[in-house]
Amino acid sequence: MITSAESAALPEEQKWELVKSAKGGTWYDGWIPYCMLCNGLIRMPQRDYGFECPQCKNMIGWDLMRLADSPLNK
């Protein structure tokens, strides 16, 4: 598990390669992941470290895995 600082420090090109690889399937520009923890299919806005759910505050990195410093780990 990596931290938000480590995820934010990745080169821009590598960030999107990780997202595309983790997502699998077809890709389109502007894709935003859904929070898989909340009801109602909430999209997770992009942050410098990856994505954050506006409702539950779950933080995921560019590999779409939860970050070590996500509030849900506490």
Protein backbone atom coordinates (compact mmCIF):
# COMPACT_ATOMS: atom_id res chain seq x y z
CA MET A 1 0.00 0.00 0.00
CA ILE A 2 1.40 3.40 -0.92
CA THR A 3 0.69 6.83 0.57
CA SER A 4 -0.97 9.78 -1.13
CA ALA A 5 2.40 11.60 -1.26
CA GLU A 6 4.02 8.66 -3.06
CA SER A 7 1.10 8.41 -5.48
CA ALA A 8 1.13 12.16 -6.20
CA ALA A 9 4.88 12.04 -6.91
CA LEU A 10 4.49 9.64 -9.84
CA PRO A 11 5.17 11.08 -13.30
CA GLU A 12 1.95 12.18 -15.07
CA GLU A 13 2.40 9.64 -17.86
CA GLN A 14 2.81 6.78 -15.39
CA LYS A 15 -0.32 7.81 -13.44
CA TRP A 16 -2.61 7.30 -16.43
CA GLU A 17 -0.88 4.09 -17.48
CA LEU A 18 -1.64 2.69 -14.01
CA VAL A 19 -5.30 3.75 -14.25
CA LYS A 20 -5.71 2.22 -17.71
CA SER A 21 -4.04 -1.02 -16.61
CA ALA A 22 -6.10 -1.31 -13.41
CA LYS A 23 -9.39 -0.47 -15.16
CA GLY A 24 -8.99 -2.97 -17.96
CA GLY A 25 -11.53 -3.20 -20.73
CA THR A 26 -12.18 -0.25 -23.01
CA TRP A 27 -10.80 3.18 -22.23
CA TYR A 28 -12.11 6.67 -22.94
CA ASP A 29 -10.76 10.07 -21.97
CA GLY A 30 -12.41 11.57 -18.92
CA TRP A 31 -13.12 8.21 -17.27
CA ILE A 32 -13.72 8.56 -13.51
CA PRO A 33 -14.10 5.59 -11.13
CA TYR A 34 -17.18 4.94 -9.01
CA CYS A 35 -16.80 4.54 -5.25
CA MET A 36 -17.40 0.87 -4.63
CA LEU A 37 -18.08 1.46 -0.92
CA CYS A 38 -20.98 3.91 -1.17
CA ASN A 39 -24.52 3.27 -2.32
CA GLY A 40 -25.76 5.30 -5.24
CA LEU A 41 -22.84 4.95 -7.66
CA ILE A 42 -20.93 8.06 -6.61
CA ARG A 43 -18.10 9.13 -8.94
CA MET A 44 -14.75 9.85 -7.31
CA PRO A 45 -13.31 13.23 -8.38
CA GLN A 46 -9.66 13.32 -9.39
CA ARG A 47 -7.03 14.56 -6.93
CA ASP A 48 -3.27 14.91 -7.30
CA TYR A 49 -2.77 11.48 -5.64
CA GLY A 50 -5.58 9.68 -7.49
CA PHE A 51 -9.29 9.86 -6.58
CA GLU A 52 -11.38 10.61 -3.48
CA CYS A 53 -15.02 9.84 -2.72
CA PRO A 54 -16.87 13.02 -1.71
CA GLN A 55 -19.20 11.03 0.55
CA CYS A 56 -17.13 8.45 2.48
CA LYS A 57 -13.72 10.13 1.86
CA ASN A 58 -12.14 6.88 0.61
CA MET A 59 -8.85 7.69 -1.15
CA ILE A 60 -7.52 5.52 -3.98
CA GLY A 61 -4.32 5.86 -5.96
CA TRP A 62 -3.73 5.73 -9.67
CA ASP A 63 -3.71 1.92 -9.50
CA LEU A 64 -7.29 2.15 -8.14
CA MET A 65 -6.22 0.61 -4.81
CA ARG A 66 -6.85 2.22 -1.42
CA LEU A 67 -4.03 4.46 -0.19
CA ALA A 68 -2.29 3.83 3.14
CA ASP A 69 -3.39 7.20 4.53
CA SER A 70 -7.06 6.88 3.49
CA PRO A 71 -9.35 7.75 6.43
CA LEU A 72 -11.08 4.39 5.99
CA ASN A 73 -7.92 2.59 7.16
CA LYS A 74 -8.24 4.01 10.66
